[in-house]
Amino acid sequence: MSEQLPDINQGISKPDLFEKFKLQLQKDFETCGVNGEFSILLAPNYDSIHATLVRELSLISKSSNSKINELLYRIDISEQQLKKLSKLKPTEDLNSIMAELIIKRILQKIVYKEYFKS
């Protein structure tokens, strides 16, 4: 995953990109058999999105760790990325780290699609 992502708040504050972000998030969750309807109600604010994802990931991990692994695979987040960010943020909860990586990766996918579409 490239570290040269645009500012996250800037990316999600653009209405068209944010709508695509929400749709992609919902699609990724639902493809893994997890309810993704929460994404419809998201506000274009990083902290709010992050908190919502942490809550959803916590609910999923309580019921099925395999769904978490499937979701991370679907979104294209590697175990290596998780370990790297966990070392950089040793006091942060794993769900919080996963939420950050999910937001960045989905936003990255959308930005790349838009860039290569033109």
C-alpha atoms as a PDB file:
ATOM      1  CA  MET A   1       0.000   0.000   0.000  1.00  0.00           C
ATOM      2  CA  SER A   2       1.437   3.349  -1.022  1.00  0.00           C
ATOM      3  CA  GLU A   3       2.260   5.847   1.695  1.00  0.00           C
ATOM      4  CA  GLN A   4       1.656   8.670  -0.809  1.00  0.00           C
ATOM      5  CA  LEU A   5      -2.107   8.768  -0.305  1.00  0.00           C
ATOM      6  CA  PRO A   6      -3.847  12.115  -0.413  1.00  0.00           C
ATOM      7  CA  ASP A   7      -5.011  13.529   2.893  1.00  0.00           C
ATOM      8  CA  ILE A   8      -7.799  11.212   4.043  1.00  0.00           C
ATOM      9  CA  ASN A   9     -10.111  13.956   5.253  1.00  0.00           C
ATOM     10  CA  GLN A  10      -9.631  15.775   1.952  1.00  0.00           C
ATOM     11  CA  GLY A  11     -10.473  12.627  -0.010  1.00  0.00           C
ATOM     12  CA  ILE A  12     -13.592  11.756   1.930  1.00  0.00           C
ATOM     13  CA  SER A  13     -14.820  15.343   1.969  1.00  0.00           C
ATOM     14  CA  LYS A  14     -15.368  15.322  -1.803  1.00  0.00           C
ATOM     15  CA  PRO A  15     -19.021  14.246  -2.217  1.00  0.00           C
ATOM     16  CA  ASP A  16     -18.521  12.061  -5.294  1.00  0.00           C
ATOM     17  CA  LEU A  17     -15.500  10.256  -3.833  1.00  0.00           C
ATOM     18  CA  PHE A  18     -17.215   9.819  -0.490  1.00  0.00           C
ATOM     19  CA  GLU A  19     -20.274   8.210  -2.090  1.00  0.00           C
ATOM     20  CA  LYS A  20     -17.990   5.821  -3.962  1.00  0.00           C
ATOM     21  CA  PHE A  21     -16.124   5.143  -0.718  1.00  0.00           C
ATOM     22  CA  LYS A  22     -19.363   4.228   1.078  1.00  0.00           C
ATOM     23  CA  LEU A  23     -20.516   1.980  -1.772  1.00  0.00           C
ATOM     24  CA  GLN A  24     -17.156   0.190  -1.942  1.00  0.00           C
ATOM     25  CA  LEU A  25     -17.107  -0.283   1.833  1.00  0.00           C
ATOM     26  CA  GLN A  26     -20.613  -1.729   1.770  1.00  0.00           C
ATOM     27  CA  LYS A  27     -19.760  -3.981  -1.184  1.00  0.00           C
ATOM     28  CA  ASP A  28     -16.615  -5.327   0.498  1.00  0.00           C
ATOM     29  CA  PHE A  29     -18.436  -6.087   3.749  1.00  0.00           C
ATOM     30  CA  GLU A  30     -21.423  -7.707   2.059  1.00  0.00           C
ATOM     31  CA  THR A  31     -19.261  -9.777  -0.301  1.00  0.00           C
ATOM     32  CA  CYS A  32     -17.827 -11.381   2.843  1.00  0.00           C
ATOM     33  CA  GLY A  33     -21.278 -12.147   4.204  1.00  0.00           C
ATOM     34  CA  VAL A  34     -21.210  -9.323   6.730  1.00  0.00           C
ATOM     35  CA  ASN A  35     -23.844  -6.612   7.022  1.00  0.00           C
ATOM     36  CA  GLY A  36     -22.506  -3.446   5.379  1.00  0.00           C
ATOM     37  CA  GLU A  37     -25.603  -1.272   5.670  1.00  0.00           C
ATOM     38  CA  PHE A  38     -23.921   0.871   8.331  1.00  0.00           C
ATOM     39  CA  SER A  39     -21.901   2.504   5.544  1.00  0.00           C
ATOM     40  CA  ILE A  40     -24.991   4.254   4.180  1.00  0.00           C
ATOM     41  CA  LEU A  41     -25.238   6.404   7.311  1.00  0.00           C
ATOM     42  CA  LEU A  42     -21.578   7.423   7.475  1.00  0.00           C
ATOM     43  CA  ALA A  43     -20.704  11.111   7.624  1.00  0.00           C
ATOM     44  CA  PRO A  44     -17.701  12.422   5.663  1.00  0.00           C
ATOM     45  CA  ASN A  45     -15.497  12.658   8.742  1.00  0.00           C
ATOM     46  CA  TYR A  46     -12.502  10.415   9.372  1.00  0.00           C
ATOM     47  CA  ASP A  47     -12.970  10.128  13.140  1.00  0.00           C
ATOM     48  CA  SER A  48     -16.629   9.213  12.748  1.00  0.00           C
ATOM     49  CA  ILE A  49     -15.910   6.627  10.043  1.00  0.00           C
ATOM     50  CA  HIS A  50     -13.054   5.186  12.088  1.00  0.00           C
ATOM     51  CA  ALA A  51     -15.189   4.870  15.237  1.00  0.00           C
ATOM     52  CA  THR A  52     -17.997   3.201  13.285  1.00  0.00           C
ATOM     53  CA  LEU A  53     -15.605   0.727  11.676  1.00  0.00           C
ATOM     54  CA  VAL A  54     -13.992  -0.105  15.025  1.00  0.00           C
ATOM     55  CA  ARG A  55     -17.443  -0.869  16.437  1.00  0.00           C
ATOM     56  CA  GLU A  56     -18.420  -3.010  13.415  1.00  0.00           C
ATOM     57  CA  LEU A  57     -15.112  -4.900  13.428  1.00  0.00           C
ATOM     58  CA  SER A  58     -15.510  -5.573  17.135  1.00  0.00           C
ATOM     59  CA  LEU A  59     -18.964  -7.052  16.541  1.00  0.00           C
ATOM     60  CA  ILE A  60     -17.686  -9.200  13.677  1.00  0.00           C
ATOM     61  CA  SER A  61     -14.638 -10.461  15.592  1.00  0.00           C
ATOM     62  CA  LYS A  62     -16.840 -11.548  18.508  1.00  0.00           C
ATOM     63  CA  SER A  63     -18.855 -13.776  16.199  1.00  0.00           C
ATOM     64  CA  SER A  64     -16.283 -14.955  13.647  1.00  0.00           C
ATOM     65  CA  ASN A  65     -12.542 -14.376  13.268  1.00  0.00           C
ATOM     66  CA  SER A  66     -12.694 -16.058   9.872  1.00  0.00           C
ATOM     67  CA  LYS A  67     -14.996 -13.250   8.650  1.00  0.00           C
ATOM     68  CA  ILE A  68     -12.393 -10.679   9.737  1.00  0.00           C
ATOM     69  CA  ASN A  69      -9.697 -12.555   7.813  1.00  0.00           C
ATOM     70  CA  GLU A  70     -11.972 -12.843   4.779  1.00  0.00           C
ATOM     71  CA  LEU A  71     -12.759  -9.125   4.934  1.00  0.00           C
ATOM     72  CA  LEU A  72      -9.095  -8.127   5.178  1.00  0.00           C
ATOM     73  CA  TYR A  73      -8.278 -10.414   2.245  1.00  0.00           C
ATOM     74  CA  ARG A  74     -11.152  -8.967   0.203  1.00  0.00           C
ATOM     75  CA  ILE A  75     -10.052  -5.388   0.868  1.00  0.00           C
ATOM     76  CA  ASP A  76      -6.414  -6.366   0.210  1.00  0.00           C
ATOM     77  CA  ILE A  77      -4.842  -5.787   3.599  1.00  0.00           C
ATOM     78  CA  SER A  78      -1.973  -8.120   4.390  1.00  0.00           C
ATOM     79  CA  GLU A  79      -0.879  -9.555   7.702  1.00  0.00           C
ATOM     80  CA  GLN A  80       2.424  -7.752   7.141  1.00  0.00           C
ATOM     81  CA  GLN A  81       0.631  -4.385   6.962  1.00  0.00           C
ATOM     82  CA  LEU A  82      -1.209  -5.170  10.199  1.00  0.00           C
ATOM     83  CA  LYS A  83       2.013  -6.130  11.970  1.00  0.00           C
ATOM     84  CA  LYS A  84       3.850  -3.059  10.697  1.00  0.00           C
ATOM     85  CA  LEU A  85       1.176  -0.621  11.866  1.00  0.00           C
ATOM     86  CA  SER A  86       0.781  -2.515  15.153  1.00  0.00           C
ATOM     87  CA  LYS A  87       4.490  -1.982  15.849  1.00  0.00           C
ATOM     88  CA  LEU A  88       4.175   1.723  15.059  1.00  0.00           C
ATOM     89  CA  LYS A  89       1.135   2.033  17.337  1.00  0.00           C
ATOM     90  CA  PRO A  90       1.715  -0.523  20.110  1.00  0.00           C
ATOM     91  CA  THR A  91      -0.911   0.926  22.452  1.00  0.00           C
ATOM     92  CA  GLU A  92      -3.656   0.975  19.842  1.00  0.00           C
ATOM     93  CA  ASP A  93      -6.359  -1.702  19.694  1.00  0.00           C
ATOM     94  CA  LEU A  94      -6.191  -4.158  16.765  1.00  0.00           C
ATOM     95  CA  ASN A  95      -9.701  -3.200  15.596  1.00  0.00           C
ATOM     96  CA  SER A  96      -8.601   0.432  15.481  1.00  0.00           C
ATOM     97  CA  ILE A  97      -5.558  -0.472  13.396  1.00  0.00           C
ATOM     98  CA  MET A  98      -7.671  -2.574  11.035  1.00  0.00           C
ATOM     99  CA  ALA A  99     -10.182   0.277  10.686  1.00  0.00           C
ATOM    100  CA  GLU A 100      -7.420   2.709   9.736  1.00  0.00           C
ATOM    101  CA  LEU A 101      -6.020   0.330   7.131  1.00  0.00           C
ATOM    102  CA  ILE A 102      -9.482  -0.381   5.711  1.00  0.00           C
ATOM    103  CA  ILE A 103     -10.253   3.324   5.299  1.00  0.00           C
ATOM    104  CA  LYS A 104      -6.906   4.022   3.642  1.00  0.00           C
ATOM    105  CA  ARG A 105      -7.084   1.016   1.316  1.00  0.00           C
ATOM    106  CA  ILE A 106     -10.641   1.635   0.142  1.00  0.00           C
ATOM    107  CA  LEU A 107      -9.905   5.311  -0.423  1.00  0.00           C
ATOM    108  CA  GLN A 108      -6.761   4.330  -2.306  1.00  0.00           C
ATOM    109  CA  LYS A 109      -8.764   1.987  -4.571  1.00  0.00           C
ATOM    110  CA  ILE A 110     -11.255   4.751  -5.360  1.00  0.00           C
ATOM    111  CA  VAL A 111      -8.580   7.348  -6.084  1.00  0.00           C
ATOM    112  CA  TYR A 112      -6.742   4.901  -8.361  1.00  0.00           C
ATOM    113  CA  LYS A 113      -9.946   4.012 -10.218  1.00  0.00           C
ATOM    114  CA  GLU A 114     -10.723   7.686 -10.761  1.00  0.00           C
ATOM    115  CA  TYR A 115      -7.176   8.446 -11.881  1.00  0.00           C
ATOM    116  CA  PHE A 116      -6.987   5.609 -14.387  1.00  0.00           C
ATOM    117  CA  LYS A 117     -10.545   6.124 -15.617  1.00  0.00           C
ATOM    118  CA  SER A 118      -9.618   9.401 -17.297  1.00  0.00           C
END
